[in-house]
């Protein structure tokens, strides 16, 4: 995975009964095609844009991007007697002009129409849609469909930014990275 994005970091969104979006077994639909609902499974995708690409797309803000998805099964509790099952994501980008690494995290759920997977940040933080792209090991991260995602340099960063679709920042085509480069959920 990209050197700047490979560093493990704590996921800024923690599951809590009031905010979590659990997925009932058998309701995973297209998200299960991307990542089987088995505790501990994860998958990572990334892309570094080279100078030629960035020169051809002068308005592109994102220099590199990484997306991680993990399935996690929580122990039963008073709110979820059978246990809670969630898909968590982590999105990291390095911004072209500043070299600033920003990130967002949250949960993903299958869309009702079966075409996309919606990944959102709590507290109206926006999100992205993801879907498999044509070709093995490819993923599309669609920022245009959602309008924005709130990103920051860390959980306590109040100077976060809304990454919004621009002329050259609408849909990103990422490639799957080797499993060994994709840290387990517990190490995020």
C-alpha atoms as a PDB file:
ATOM      1  CA  UNK A   1       0.000   0.000   0.000  1.00  0.00           C
ATOM      2  CA  UNK A   2       1.131   3.609  -0.399  1.00  0.00           C
ATOM      3  CA  UNK A   3       3.798   4.442   2.192  1.00  0.00           C
ATOM      4  CA  UNK A   4       1.881   7.388   3.664  1.00  0.00           C
ATOM      5  CA  UNK A   5      -1.389   5.500   3.737  1.00  0.00           C
ATOM      6  CA  UNK A   6      -0.048   2.182   4.978  1.00  0.00           C
ATOM      7  CA  UNK A   7       0.608   3.424   8.505  1.00  0.00           C
ATOM      8  CA  UNK A   8      -1.905   1.918  10.862  1.00  0.00           C
ATOM      9  CA  UNK A   9      -3.961   4.481  12.741  1.00  0.00           C
ATOM     10  CA  UNK A  10      -6.924   4.314  15.045  1.00  0.00           C
ATOM     11  CA  UNK A  11     -10.259   4.477  13.310  1.00  0.00           C
ATOM     12  CA  UNK A  12     -11.954   7.681  14.411  1.00  0.00           C
ATOM     13  CA  UNK A  13     -15.448   6.236  14.434  1.00  0.00           C
ATOM     14  CA  UNK A  14     -16.301   3.704  17.114  1.00  0.00           C
ATOM     15  CA  UNK A  15     -19.445   1.617  17.096  1.00  0.00           C
ATOM     16  CA  UNK A  16     -22.021   2.631  19.641  1.00  0.00           C
ATOM     17  CA  UNK A  17     -25.583   1.401  19.841  1.00  0.00           C
ATOM     18  CA  UNK A  18     -27.173   4.710  18.897  1.00  0.00           C
ATOM     19  CA  UNK A  19     -25.031   5.380  15.826  1.00  0.00           C
ATOM     20  CA  UNK A  20     -24.118   1.970  14.441  1.00  0.00           C
ATOM     21  CA  UNK A  21     -25.585   0.594  11.236  1.00  0.00           C
ATOM     22  CA  UNK A  22     -25.567  -3.148  11.879  1.00  0.00           C
ATOM     23  CA  UNK A  23     -26.256  -5.486   9.000  1.00  0.00           C
ATOM     24  CA  UNK A  24     -28.345  -8.550   9.692  1.00  0.00           C
ATOM     25  CA  UNK A  25     -26.947 -11.885   8.446  1.00  0.00           C
ATOM     26  CA  UNK A  26     -28.175 -12.521   4.924  1.00  0.00           C
ATOM     27  CA  UNK A  27     -28.818  -8.803   4.273  1.00  0.00           C
ATOM     28  CA  UNK A  28     -25.288  -7.964   3.079  1.00  0.00           C
ATOM     29  CA  UNK A  29     -26.217  -8.184  -0.632  1.00  0.00           C
ATOM     30  CA  UNK A  30     -23.535  -6.648  -2.879  1.00  0.00           C
ATOM     31  CA  UNK A  31     -21.231  -5.785   0.021  1.00  0.00           C
ATOM     32  CA  UNK A  32     -20.737  -9.538   0.643  1.00  0.00           C
ATOM     33  CA  UNK A  33     -19.521  -9.898  -2.951  1.00  0.00           C
ATOM     34  CA  UNK A  34     -16.793  -7.391  -2.159  1.00  0.00           C
ATOM     35  CA  UNK A  35     -15.968  -8.730   1.305  1.00  0.00           C
ATOM     36  CA  UNK A  36     -17.493 -11.901   2.814  1.00  0.00           C
ATOM     37  CA  UNK A  37     -19.245 -11.385   6.162  1.00  0.00           C
ATOM     38  CA  UNK A  38     -16.682 -13.326   8.151  1.00  0.00           C
ATOM     39  CA  UNK A  39     -15.202 -11.812  11.329  1.00  0.00           C
ATOM     40  CA  UNK A  40     -11.744 -10.431  10.719  1.00  0.00           C
ATOM     41  CA  UNK A  41     -11.981 -10.204   6.933  1.00  0.00           C
ATOM     42  CA  UNK A  42     -10.709  -7.055   5.278  1.00  0.00           C
ATOM     43  CA  UNK A  43      -9.767  -5.686   1.879  1.00  0.00           C
ATOM     44  CA  UNK A  44      -7.751  -2.654   0.800  1.00  0.00           C
ATOM     45  CA  UNK A  45      -7.539  -0.650  -2.409  1.00  0.00           C
ATOM     46  CA  UNK A  46      -5.217   2.219  -3.308  1.00  0.00           C
ATOM     47  CA  UNK A  47      -3.916   4.452  -6.055  1.00  0.00           C
ATOM     48  CA  UNK A  48      -1.013   6.857  -6.384  1.00  0.00           C
ATOM     49  CA  UNK A  49      -1.415   9.291  -9.247  1.00  0.00           C
ATOM     50  CA  UNK A  50       1.803   9.802 -11.198  1.00  0.00           C
ATOM     51  CA  UNK A  51       3.052  13.121 -12.565  1.00  0.00           C
ATOM     52  CA  UNK A  52       1.732  12.377 -16.062  1.00  0.00           C
ATOM     53  CA  UNK A  53      -1.786  11.787 -14.732  1.00  0.00           C
ATOM     54  CA  UNK A  54      -1.707  14.875 -12.534  1.00  0.00           C
ATOM     55  CA  UNK A  55      -0.408  16.988 -15.421  1.00  0.00           C
ATOM     56  CA  UNK A  56      -3.275  15.739 -17.611  1.00  0.00           C
ATOM     57  CA  UNK A  57      -5.737  16.535 -14.786  1.00  0.00           C
ATOM     58  CA  UNK A  58      -4.555  19.903 -13.454  1.00  0.00           C
ATOM     59  CA  UNK A  59      -7.615  20.443 -11.265  1.00  0.00           C
ATOM     60  CA  UNK A  60      -7.347  17.123  -9.422  1.00  0.00           C
ATOM     61  CA  UNK A  61      -6.889  17.737  -5.692  1.00  0.00           C
ATOM     62  CA  UNK A  62      -6.103  14.132  -4.682  1.00  0.00           C
ATOM     63  CA  UNK A  63      -2.540  12.886  -5.211  1.00  0.00           C
ATOM     64  CA  UNK A  64      -3.067   9.464  -3.651  1.00  0.00           C
ATOM     65  CA  UNK A  65      -6.018   7.628  -2.175  1.00  0.00           C
ATOM     66  CA  UNK A  66      -6.548   4.471  -0.136  1.00  0.00           C
ATOM     67  CA  UNK A  67      -9.749   2.710   0.912  1.00  0.00           C
ATOM     68  CA  UNK A  68      -9.990  -0.053   3.519  1.00  0.00           C
ATOM     69  CA  UNK A  69     -13.047  -2.125   4.379  1.00  0.00           C
ATOM     70  CA  UNK A  70     -13.355  -4.578   7.277  1.00  0.00           C
ATOM     71  CA  UNK A  71     -16.113  -6.822   8.592  1.00  0.00           C
ATOM     72  CA  UNK A  72     -16.436  -6.938  12.355  1.00  0.00           C
ATOM     73  CA  UNK A  73     -18.728  -8.965  14.594  1.00  0.00           C
ATOM     74  CA  UNK A  74     -19.347  -7.514  18.061  1.00  0.00           C
ATOM     75  CA  UNK A  75     -20.184  -9.556  21.132  1.00  0.00           C
ATOM     76  CA  UNK A  76     -23.841  -9.672  22.164  1.00  0.00           C
ATOM     77  CA  UNK A  77     -25.005  -6.874  24.441  1.00  0.00           C
ATOM     78  CA  UNK A  78     -28.267  -5.447  25.767  1.00  0.00           C
ATOM     79  CA  UNK A  79     -28.979  -3.642  22.479  1.00  0.00           C
ATOM     80  CA  UNK A  80     -28.013  -6.500  20.150  1.00  0.00           C
ATOM     81  CA  UNK A  81     -28.584  -9.827  21.928  1.00  0.00           C
ATOM     82  CA  UNK A  82     -27.322 -11.755  18.874  1.00  0.00           C
ATOM     83  CA  UNK A  83     -24.315  -9.481  18.479  1.00  0.00           C
ATOM     84  CA  UNK A  84     -23.862  -6.648  16.055  1.00  0.00           C
ATOM     85  CA  UNK A  85     -22.252  -7.052  12.623  1.00  0.00           C
ATOM     86  CA  UNK A  86     -20.795  -4.059  10.830  1.00  0.00           C
ATOM     87  CA  UNK A  87     -18.677  -3.154   7.827  1.00  0.00           C
ATOM     88  CA  UNK A  88     -16.220  -0.364   8.726  1.00  0.00           C
ATOM     89  CA  UNK A  89     -14.266   1.752   6.259  1.00  0.00           C
ATOM     90  CA  UNK A  90     -11.234   4.009   6.367  1.00  0.00           C
ATOM     91  CA  UNK A  91     -10.576   6.457   3.509  1.00  0.00           C
ATOM     92  CA  UNK A  92      -7.238   8.268   3.323  1.00  0.00           C
ATOM     93  CA  UNK A  93      -6.009  10.789   0.797  1.00  0.00           C
ATOM     94  CA  UNK A  94      -2.892  12.836   0.292  1.00  0.00           C
ATOM     95  CA  UNK A  95      -3.782  16.244  -1.078  1.00  0.00           C
ATOM     96  CA  UNK A  96      -1.860  17.362  -4.132  1.00  0.00           C
ATOM     97  CA  UNK A  97      -0.980  20.959  -3.295  1.00  0.00           C
ATOM     98  CA  UNK A  98      -0.256  20.648   0.416  1.00  0.00           C
ATOM     99  CA  UNK A  99       0.912  17.041   0.760  1.00  0.00           C
ATOM    100  CA  UNK A 100      -1.514  16.908   3.698  1.00  0.00           C
ATOM    101  CA  UNK A 101      -2.804  13.442   4.582  1.00  0.00           C
ATOM    102  CA  UNK A 102      -6.448  13.464   5.585  1.00  0.00           C
ATOM    103  CA  UNK A 103      -8.771  10.647   6.514  1.00  0.00           C
ATOM    104  CA  UNK A 104     -12.352   9.707   7.249  1.00  0.00           C
ATOM    105  CA  UNK A 105     -13.906   6.609   8.707  1.00  0.00           C
ATOM    106  CA  UNK A 106     -17.311   5.173   9.319  1.00  0.00           C
ATOM    107  CA  UNK A 107     -19.603   2.361   8.283  1.00  0.00           C
ATOM    108  CA  UNK A 108     -20.753   0.922   4.977  1.00  0.00           C
ATOM    109  CA  UNK A 109     -24.130  -0.577   4.106  1.00  0.00           C
ATOM    110  CA  UNK A 110     -25.555  -2.041   0.896  1.00  0.00           C
ATOM    111  CA  UNK A 111     -27.859   0.249  -1.044  1.00  0.00           C
ATOM    112  CA  UNK A 112     -31.496  -0.852  -1.312  1.00  0.00           C
ATOM    113  CA  UNK A 113     -31.320  -0.930  -5.119  1.00  0.00           C
ATOM    114  CA  UNK A 114     -28.382  -3.361  -5.066  1.00  0.00           C
ATOM    115  CA  UNK A 115     -26.057  -1.264  -7.246  1.00  0.00           C
ATOM    116  CA  UNK A 116     -23.763   0.455  -4.759  1.00  0.00           C
ATOM    117  CA  UNK A 117     -22.430   0.349  -1.244  1.00  0.00           C
ATOM    118  CA  UNK A 118     -22.953   3.499   0.785  1.00  0.00           C
ATOM    119  CA  UNK A 119     -20.142   4.444   3.176  1.00  0.00           C
ATOM    120  CA  UNK A 120     -20.873   7.301   5.552  1.00  0.00           C
ATOM    121  CA  UNK A 121     -19.351   9.347   8.320  1.00  0.00           C
ATOM    122  CA  UNK A 122     -21.465   9.929  11.449  1.00  0.00           C
ATOM    123  CA  UNK A 123     -22.882  13.345  12.371  1.00  0.00           C
ATOM    124  CA  UNK A 124     -23.643  14.419   8.803  1.00  0.00           C
ATOM    125  CA  UNK A 125     -20.081  13.907   7.664  1.00  0.00           C
ATOM    126  CA  UNK A 126     -21.120  12.929   4.161  1.00  0.00           C
ATOM    127  CA  UNK A 127     -19.645   9.868   2.528  1.00  0.00           C
ATOM    128  CA  UNK A 128     -18.864   8.021  -0.679  1.00  0.00           C
ATOM    129  CA  UNK A 129     -20.446   5.282  -2.746  1.00  0.00           C
ATOM    130  CA  UNK A 130     -18.289   2.320  -3.707  1.00  0.00           C
ATOM    131  CA  UNK A 131     -18.740  -0.464  -6.222  1.00  0.00           C
ATOM    132  CA  UNK A 132     -16.667  -3.063  -7.991  1.00  0.00           C
ATOM    133  CA  UNK A 133     -15.297  -1.831 -11.287  1.00  0.00           C
ATOM    134  CA  UNK A 134     -14.858  -3.856 -14.443  1.00  0.00           C
ATOM    135  CA  UNK A 135     -11.665  -5.839 -14.149  1.00  0.00           C
ATOM    136  CA  UNK A 136     -10.342  -8.016 -11.378  1.00  0.00           C
ATOM    137  CA  UNK A 137      -9.375  -6.268  -8.158  1.00  0.00           C
ATOM    138  CA  UNK A 138     -10.759  -2.839  -9.101  1.00  0.00           C
ATOM    139  CA  UNK A 139     -12.951  -0.548  -7.018  1.00  0.00           C
ATOM    140  CA  UNK A 140     -14.684   2.731  -7.851  1.00  0.00           C
ATOM    141  CA  UNK A 141     -14.940   5.317  -5.078  1.00  0.00           C
ATOM    142  CA  UNK A 142     -17.647   7.766  -6.109  1.00  0.00           C
ATOM    143  CA  UNK A 143     -17.517  11.185  -4.465  1.00  0.00           C
ATOM    144  CA  UNK A 144     -19.785  12.866  -7.002  1.00  0.00           C
ATOM    145  CA  UNK A 145     -22.861  10.811  -6.079  1.00  0.00           C
ATOM    146  CA  UNK A 146     -22.729  11.909  -2.431  1.00  0.00           C
ATOM    147  CA  UNK A 147     -21.450  15.462  -2.812  1.00  0.00           C
ATOM    148  CA  UNK A 148     -18.836  15.450  -0.046  1.00  0.00           C
ATOM    149  CA  UNK A 149     -17.065  13.604   2.730  1.00  0.00           C
ATOM    150  CA  UNK A 150     -15.745  15.228   5.909  1.00  0.00           C
ATOM    151  CA  UNK A 151     -12.041  14.452   6.339  1.00  0.00           C
ATOM    152  CA  UNK A 152      -9.400  15.490   8.857  1.00  0.00           C
ATOM    153  CA  UNK A 153      -5.822  14.870   9.928  1.00  0.00           C
ATOM    154  CA  UNK A 154      -6.951  13.038  13.057  1.00  0.00           C
ATOM    155  CA  UNK A 155      -9.856  12.409  15.376  1.00  0.00           C
ATOM    156  CA  UNK A 156      -9.278  15.622  17.315  1.00  0.00           C
ATOM    157  CA  UNK A 157      -8.688  17.785  14.245  1.00  0.00           C
ATOM    158  CA  UNK A 158     -11.305  20.521  14.213  1.00  0.00           C
ATOM    159  CA  UNK A 159      -9.757  22.014  11.075  1.00  0.00           C
ATOM    160  CA  UNK A 160     -11.074  19.210   8.916  1.00  0.00           C
ATOM    161  CA  UNK A 161     -12.178  19.786   5.370  1.00  0.00           C
ATOM    162  CA  UNK A 162     -15.028  18.645   3.206  1.00  0.00           C
ATOM    163  CA  UNK A 163     -13.564  16.842   0.214  1.00  0.00           C
ATOM    164  CA  UNK A 164     -15.993  17.731  -2.544  1.00  0.00           C
ATOM    165  CA  UNK A 165     -16.216  16.607  -6.143  1.00  0.00           C
ATOM    166  CA  UNK A 166     -14.346  18.894  -8.497  1.00  0.00           C
ATOM    167  CA  UNK A 167     -13.565  18.946 -12.191  1.00  0.00           C
ATOM    168  CA  UNK A 168     -11.082  16.061 -11.775  1.00  0.00           C
ATOM    169  CA  UNK A 169     -12.141  14.668  -8.378  1.00  0.00           C
ATOM    170  CA  UNK A 170     -15.377  12.800  -8.974  1.00  0.00           C
ATOM    171  CA  UNK A 171     -14.807   9.064  -9.251  1.00  0.00           C
ATOM    172  CA  UNK A 172     -11.562   7.335  -8.329  1.00  0.00           C
ATOM    173  CA  UNK A 173     -10.486   3.969  -9.768  1.00  0.00           C
ATOM    174  CA  UNK A 174      -8.442   2.030  -7.199  1.00  0.00           C
ATOM    175  CA  UNK A 175      -6.645  -1.317  -7.363  1.00  0.00           C
ATOM    176  CA  UNK A 176      -6.635  -3.984  -4.680  1.00  0.00           C
ATOM    177  CA  UNK A 177      -3.417  -4.155  -2.675  1.00  0.00           C
ATOM    178  CA  UNK A 178      -1.819  -7.383  -1.389  1.00  0.00           C
ATOM    179  CA  UNK A 179      -3.461  -8.851   1.708  1.00  0.00           C
ATOM    180  CA  UNK A 180      -0.250  -8.416   3.727  1.00  0.00           C
ATOM    181  CA  UNK A 181      -0.437  -4.650   3.155  1.00  0.00           C
ATOM    182  CA  UNK A 182      -3.976  -4.468   4.502  1.00  0.00           C
ATOM    183  CA  UNK A 183      -3.938  -4.249   8.308  1.00  0.00           C
ATOM    184  CA  UNK A 184      -6.633  -5.973  10.382  1.00  0.00           C
ATOM    185  CA  UNK A 185      -9.463  -3.855  11.750  1.00  0.00           C
ATOM    186  CA  UNK A 186      -8.014  -3.933  15.253  1.00  0.00           C
ATOM    187  CA  UNK A 187      -4.819  -2.222  13.975  1.00  0.00           C
ATOM    188  CA  UNK A 188      -6.518   0.701  12.226  1.00  0.00           C
END
